[in-house]
């Protein structure tokens, strides 16, 4: 009972099987058929509206930083941005970065003051270490998914000569294509399991009447809804890795991890 219900194993399995795996496995095998409906179009427009808002644009800064450190140019089919477009783009990036830093400040302040939903007995410093380790694992899995779909369109001769990239691609695409859905199943279970622990770290739980940084009770209630933690994990554990993997899929797969 303690492991299955109280620790969240039941919710992990429920979320994976009903909320994610069925859709992802079917979509990996029937990509065009899966998007041939109006709800897929509606979902696309909602996602594009969120992207246009700039709330998650800090992810682009991470992608640009990785490209600069690697000495590689990001290939894009978009036209070069004009001066005004660049100001608008980087303005949203800086605003998103400020929001991300604020979310991290709120989360760590609550964590080190013992006002999160983290299990009792887990020291704050250990929770922070595990938090970043799990976000790295989630990010690696998210990036691998994007990289796999990118290299699936390439012939074997164009998949590079890196030992790890070649071995990974050979294992993924051998046989009748069963390994791709199998990877989706295992990947999703790992991601959801990590996310449930990360949620323990980032979810605020202040006693009634207390607020963080002296904010109003209404704003405190908003913080405790979990949106701050969701934004942190979306940027640092998901989108940033996906953007890097989409820009450099073969380099991403060349990583021995």
Protein backbone atom coordinates (compact mmCIF):
# COMPACT_ATOMS: atom_id res chain seq x y z
CA UNK A 1 0.00 0.00 0.00
CA UNK A 2 2.76 2.46 0.90
CA UNK A 3 4.69 1.91 -2.34
CA UNK A 4 1.74 1.43 -4.69
CA UNK A 5 -0.62 4.15 -3.44
CA UNK A 6 1.17 6.59 -1.14
CA UNK A 7 4.46 6.75 -3.09
CA UNK A 8 2.62 7.34 -6.37
CA UNK A 9 3.30 4.11 -8.29
CA UNK A 10 -0.40 3.67 -9.07
CA UNK A 11 -0.65 7.18 -10.48
CA UNK A 12 2.55 6.69 -12.51
CA UNK A 13 1.16 3.56 -14.17
CA UNK A 14 -2.24 5.18 -14.74
CA UNK A 15 -0.70 8.28 -16.30
CA UNK A 16 1.60 6.25 -18.57
CA UNK A 17 -0.95 3.75 -19.83
CA UNK A 18 -3.99 5.97 -20.29
CA UNK A 19 -2.56 9.44 -20.71
CA UNK A 20 0.51 8.88 -22.87
CA UNK A 21 1.65 5.47 -24.08
CA UNK A 22 -1.41 4.48 -26.09
CA UNK A 23 -1.27 7.72 -28.06
CA UNK A 24 2.50 7.76 -28.54
CA UNK A 25 2.82 4.16 -29.70
CA UNK A 26 0.00 4.59 -32.22
CA UNK A 27 1.42 7.90 -33.41
CA UNK A 28 4.91 6.44 -33.89
CA UNK A 29 3.50 3.85 -36.31
CA UNK A 30 0.74 5.91 -37.98
CA UNK A 31 2.10 9.44 -38.01
CA UNK A 32 -0.03 10.96 -40.79
CA UNK A 33 -3.22 9.19 -39.76
CA UNK A 34 -2.80 10.35 -36.18
CA UNK A 35 -2.70 14.01 -37.21
CA UNK A 36 -5.60 13.76 -39.68
CA UNK A 37 -8.23 15.33 -37.40
CA UNK A 38 -9.36 18.76 -36.25
CA UNK A 39 -8.29 18.23 -32.65
CA UNK A 40 -4.68 17.82 -33.79
CA UNK A 41 -5.00 21.13 -35.65
CA UNK A 42 -6.49 22.80 -32.57
CA UNK A 43 -3.66 21.44 -30.42
CA UNK A 44 -1.11 22.80 -32.89
CA UNK A 45 -2.61 26.30 -32.76
CA UNK A 46 -2.68 26.29 -28.96
CA UNK A 47 0.97 25.18 -28.86
CA UNK A 48 1.95 27.89 -31.35
CA UNK A 49 0.13 30.51 -29.27
CA UNK A 50 2.06 29.45 -26.17
CA UNK A 51 5.32 29.61 -28.11
CA UNK A 52 4.48 33.07 -29.46
CA UNK A 53 3.86 34.34 -25.94
CA UNK A 54 7.57 33.91 -25.23
CA UNK A 55 7.03 32.36 -21.82
CA UNK A 56 9.36 29.48 -22.67
CA UNK A 57 11.84 31.36 -24.87
CA UNK A 58 14.66 30.82 -22.38
CA UNK A 59 14.96 27.42 -24.07
CA UNK A 60 16.19 29.14 -27.24
CA UNK A 61 18.96 30.83 -25.27
CA UNK A 62 20.15 27.42 -24.09
CA UNK A 63 20.03 26.09 -27.65
CA UNK A 64 22.05 29.06 -28.93
CA UNK A 65 24.56 28.67 -26.10
CA UNK A 66 25.07 24.97 -26.85
CA UNK A 67 25.52 25.72 -30.56
CA UNK A 68 28.08 28.42 -29.76
CA UNK A 69 30.03 26.13 -27.43
CA UNK A 70 29.98 23.36 -30.05
CA UNK A 71 31.10 25.74 -32.78
CA UNK A 72 28.22 24.61 -34.98
CA UNK A 73 25.71 26.70 -36.92
CA UNK A 74 22.04 25.91 -36.44
CA UNK A 75 20.44 25.01 -39.77
CA UNK A 76 17.00 26.54 -40.25
CA UNK A 77 14.52 26.90 -43.10
CA UNK A 78 13.32 30.24 -41.71
CA UNK A 79 14.40 33.53 -43.20
CA UNK A 80 16.99 35.49 -41.19
CA UNK A 81 15.35 37.73 -38.60
CA UNK A 82 15.22 41.47 -39.27
CA UNK A 83 16.38 43.98 -36.68
CA UNK A 84 12.90 44.47 -35.21
CA UNK A 85 12.25 40.73 -35.22
CA UNK A 86 15.54 40.12 -33.41
CA UNK A 87 14.65 42.70 -30.75
CA UNK A 88 11.23 41.10 -30.29
CA UNK A 89 12.75 37.61 -30.15
CA UNK A 90 15.54 38.35 -27.68
CA UNK A 91 13.24 40.55 -25.62
CA UNK A 92 10.99 37.55 -25.08
CA UNK A 93 14.05 35.41 -24.34
CA UNK A 94 15.19 37.78 -21.59
CA UNK A 95 11.68 38.02 -20.13
CA UNK A 96 11.42 34.24 -20.11
CA UNK A 97 14.83 33.97 -18.45
CA UNK A 98 13.72 36.40 -15.73
CA UNK A 99 10.56 34.36 -15.11
CA UNK A 100 12.61 31.15 -14.96
CA UNK A 101 15.03 32.64 -12.42
CA UNK A 102 12.12 33.80 -10.28
CA UNK A 103 10.54 30.33 -10.40
CA UNK A 104 13.84 28.78 -9.31
CA UNK A 105 14.20 31.30 -6.49
CA UNK A 106 10.69 30.55 -5.20
CA UNK A 107 11.22 26.79 -5.45
CA UNK A 108 14.58 26.72 -3.65
CA UNK A 109 13.41 29.13 -0.96
CA UNK A 110 10.44 26.88 -0.25
CA UNK A 111 12.59 23.75 -0.40
CA UNK A 112 15.26 24.92 2.05
CA UNK A 113 12.62 26.27 4.43
CA UNK A 114 10.84 22.90 4.44
CA UNK A 115 7.68 24.13 2.74
CA UNK A 116 7.39 21.72 -0.18
CA UNK A 117 5.73 18.33 -0.55
CA UNK A 118 9.09 16.55 -0.33
CA UNK A 119 9.04 13.47 1.89
CA UNK A 120 10.09 14.05 5.49
CA UNK A 121 13.62 12.95 6.26
CA UNK A 122 15.07 13.93 2.86
CA UNK A 123 17.54 16.81 3.39
CA UNK A 124 17.14 19.81 1.12
CA UNK A 125 20.66 19.58 -0.33
CA UNK A 126 20.08 15.96 -1.35
CA UNK A 127 16.71 16.85 -2.87
CA UNK A 128 18.38 19.55 -4.99
CA UNK A 129 21.04 17.11 -6.27
CA UNK A 130 18.48 14.45 -7.13
CA UNK A 131 16.28 17.15 -8.67
CA UNK A 132 18.93 18.19 -11.20
CA UNK A 133 20.01 14.59 -11.87
CA UNK A 134 16.45 13.56 -12.66
CA UNK A 135 15.90 16.62 -14.84
CA UNK A 136 19.02 15.66 -16.80
CA UNK A 137 17.69 12.12 -17.24
CA UNK A 138 14.32 13.44 -18.41
CA UNK A 139 16.05 15.87 -20.76
CA UNK A 140 18.19 13.12 -22.25
CA UNK A 141 15.12 10.97 -22.88
CA UNK A 142 13.19 13.88 -24.38
CA UNK A 143 16.08 14.75 -26.67
CA UNK A 144 16.55 11.13 -27.73
CA UNK A 145 12.93 10.95 -28.85
CA UNK A 146 13.35 14.01 -31.08
CA UNK A 147 16.72 12.82 -32.41
CA UNK A 148 15.33 9.37 -33.25
CA UNK A 149 12.48 10.81 -35.30
CA UNK A 150 14.95 13.13 -37.05
CA UNK A 151 17.39 10.39 -38.07
CA UNK A 152 14.54 8.05 -39.07
CA UNK A 153 14.24 10.10 -42.27
CA UNK A 154 17.94 9.69 -43.09
CA UNK A 155 19.40 6.76 -45.04
CA UNK A 156 21.90 4.64 -43.13
CA UNK A 157 24.78 6.12 -45.15
CA UNK A 158 24.03 9.61 -43.80
CA UNK A 159 23.85 8.74 -40.12
CA UNK A 160 27.48 9.55 -39.48
CA UNK A 161 30.36 7.37 -38.36
CA UNK A 162 30.23 7.87 -34.60
CA UNK A 163 30.40 4.51 -32.85
CA UNK A 164 27.63 5.28 -30.39
CA UNK A 165 25.35 6.93 -32.96
CA UNK A 166 25.71 4.02 -35.39
CA UNK A 167 25.12 1.40 -32.71
CA UNK A 168 22.09 3.27 -31.41
CA UNK A 169 20.54 3.66 -34.87
CA UNK A 170 21.22 0.03 -35.81
CA UNK A 171 19.52 -1.16 -32.64
CA UNK A 172 16.58 1.20 -33.02
CA UNK A 173 15.76 0.53 -36.67
CA UNK A 174 16.61 -3.16 -37.02
CA UNK A 175 13.96 -5.79 -37.65
CA UNK A 176 10.35 -4.84 -38.28
CA UNK A 177 10.50 -1.49 -36.52
CA UNK A 178 9.29 -2.79 -33.17
CA UNK A 179 12.14 -1.19 -31.25
CA UNK A 180 10.86 2.36 -31.78
CA UNK A 181 7.51 1.73 -30.00
CA UNK A 182 9.38 -0.30 -27.37
CA UNK A 183 11.66 2.66 -26.73
CA UNK A 184 8.61 4.92 -26.44
CA UNK A 185 7.14 2.66 -23.76
CA UNK A 186 10.29 2.45 -21.66
CA UNK A 187 11.14 6.11 -22.15
CA UNK A 188 7.72 7.31 -21.06
CA UNK A 189 7.68 5.22 -17.90
CA UNK A 190 11.08 6.65 -16.92
CA UNK A 191 9.98 10.21 -17.70
CA UNK A 192 6.75 10.01 -15.72
CA UNK A 193 8.50 8.38 -12.76
CA UNK A 194 11.10 11.17 -12.70
CA UNK A 195 8.42 13.83 -13.07
CA UNK A 196 6.55 12.59 -10.02
CA UNK A 197 9.67 12.99 -7.89
CA UNK A 198 10.45 16.39 -9.41
CA UNK A 199 6.90 17.48 -8.58
CA UNK A 200 7.60 16.64 -4.95
CA UNK A 201 10.51 19.07 -4.97
CA UNK A 202 8.78 21.91 -6.83
CA UNK A 203 5.29 21.81 -5.25
CA UNK A 204 4.86 24.43 -2.53
CA UNK A 205 3.05 23.58 0.71
CA UNK A 206 3.00 26.54 3.10
CA UNK A 207 0.96 26.60 6.32
CA UNK A 208 -2.22 28.64 6.16
CA UNK A 209 -1.50 32.33 6.65
CA UNK A 210 2.18 32.12 5.62
CA UNK A 211 3.44 33.30 2.24
CA UNK A 212 6.78 33.25 0.45
CA UNK A 213 8.65 36.55 0.04
CA UNK A 214 5.69 38.30 1.70
CA UNK A 215 3.42 38.03 -1.36
CA UNK A 216 -0.35 38.30 -1.11
CA UNK A 217 -2.48 35.30 -0.20
CA UNK A 218 -3.95 35.19 -3.70
CA UNK A 219 -0.53 35.08 -5.35
CA UNK A 220 0.59 32.46 -2.84
CA UNK A 221 -2.40 30.31 -3.82
CA UNK A 222 -1.36 30.68 -7.47
CA UNK A 223 2.20 29.59 -6.64
CA UNK A 224 0.87 26.48 -4.90
CA UNK A 225 -1.02 25.37 -8.02
CA UNK A 226 2.29 24.02 -9.37
CA UNK A 227 2.72 26.22 -12.44
CA UNK A 228 6.17 27.42 -11.31
CA UNK A 229 7.50 23.88 -11.12
CA UNK A 230 5.87 23.04 -14.43
CA UNK A 231 7.63 25.96 -16.11
CA UNK A 232 11.00 24.97 -14.62
CA UNK A 233 10.75 21.37 -15.78
CA UNK A 234 9.35 22.33 -19.18
CA UNK A 235 12.30 24.60 -19.93
CA UNK A 236 15.20 22.85 -18.18
CA UNK A 237 14.12 19.21 -18.50
CA UNK A 238 12.27 19.13 -21.80
CA UNK A 239 12.22 21.88 -24.41
CA UNK A 240 15.89 22.89 -24.15
CA UNK A 241 17.02 19.32 -24.73
CA UNK A 242 14.53 18.86 -27.56
CA UNK A 243 15.73 22.01 -29.33
CA UNK A 244 19.35 20.92 -29.08
CA UNK A 245 18.49 17.43 -30.33
CA UNK A 246 16.44 18.80 -33.24
CA UNK A 247 19.31 21.07 -34.31
CA UNK A 248 22.06 18.43 -33.90
CA UNK A 249 20.42 14.97 -33.92
CA UNK A 250 23.52 12.99 -34.86
CA UNK A 251 25.75 14.84 -32.40
CA UNK A 252 23.15 14.22 -29.71
CA UNK A 253 23.11 10.49 -30.44
CA UNK A 254 26.91 10.41 -30.43
CA UNK A 255 26.72 10.91 -26.68
CA UNK A 256 27.57 7.56 -25.00
CA UNK A 257 24.82 8.18 -22.40
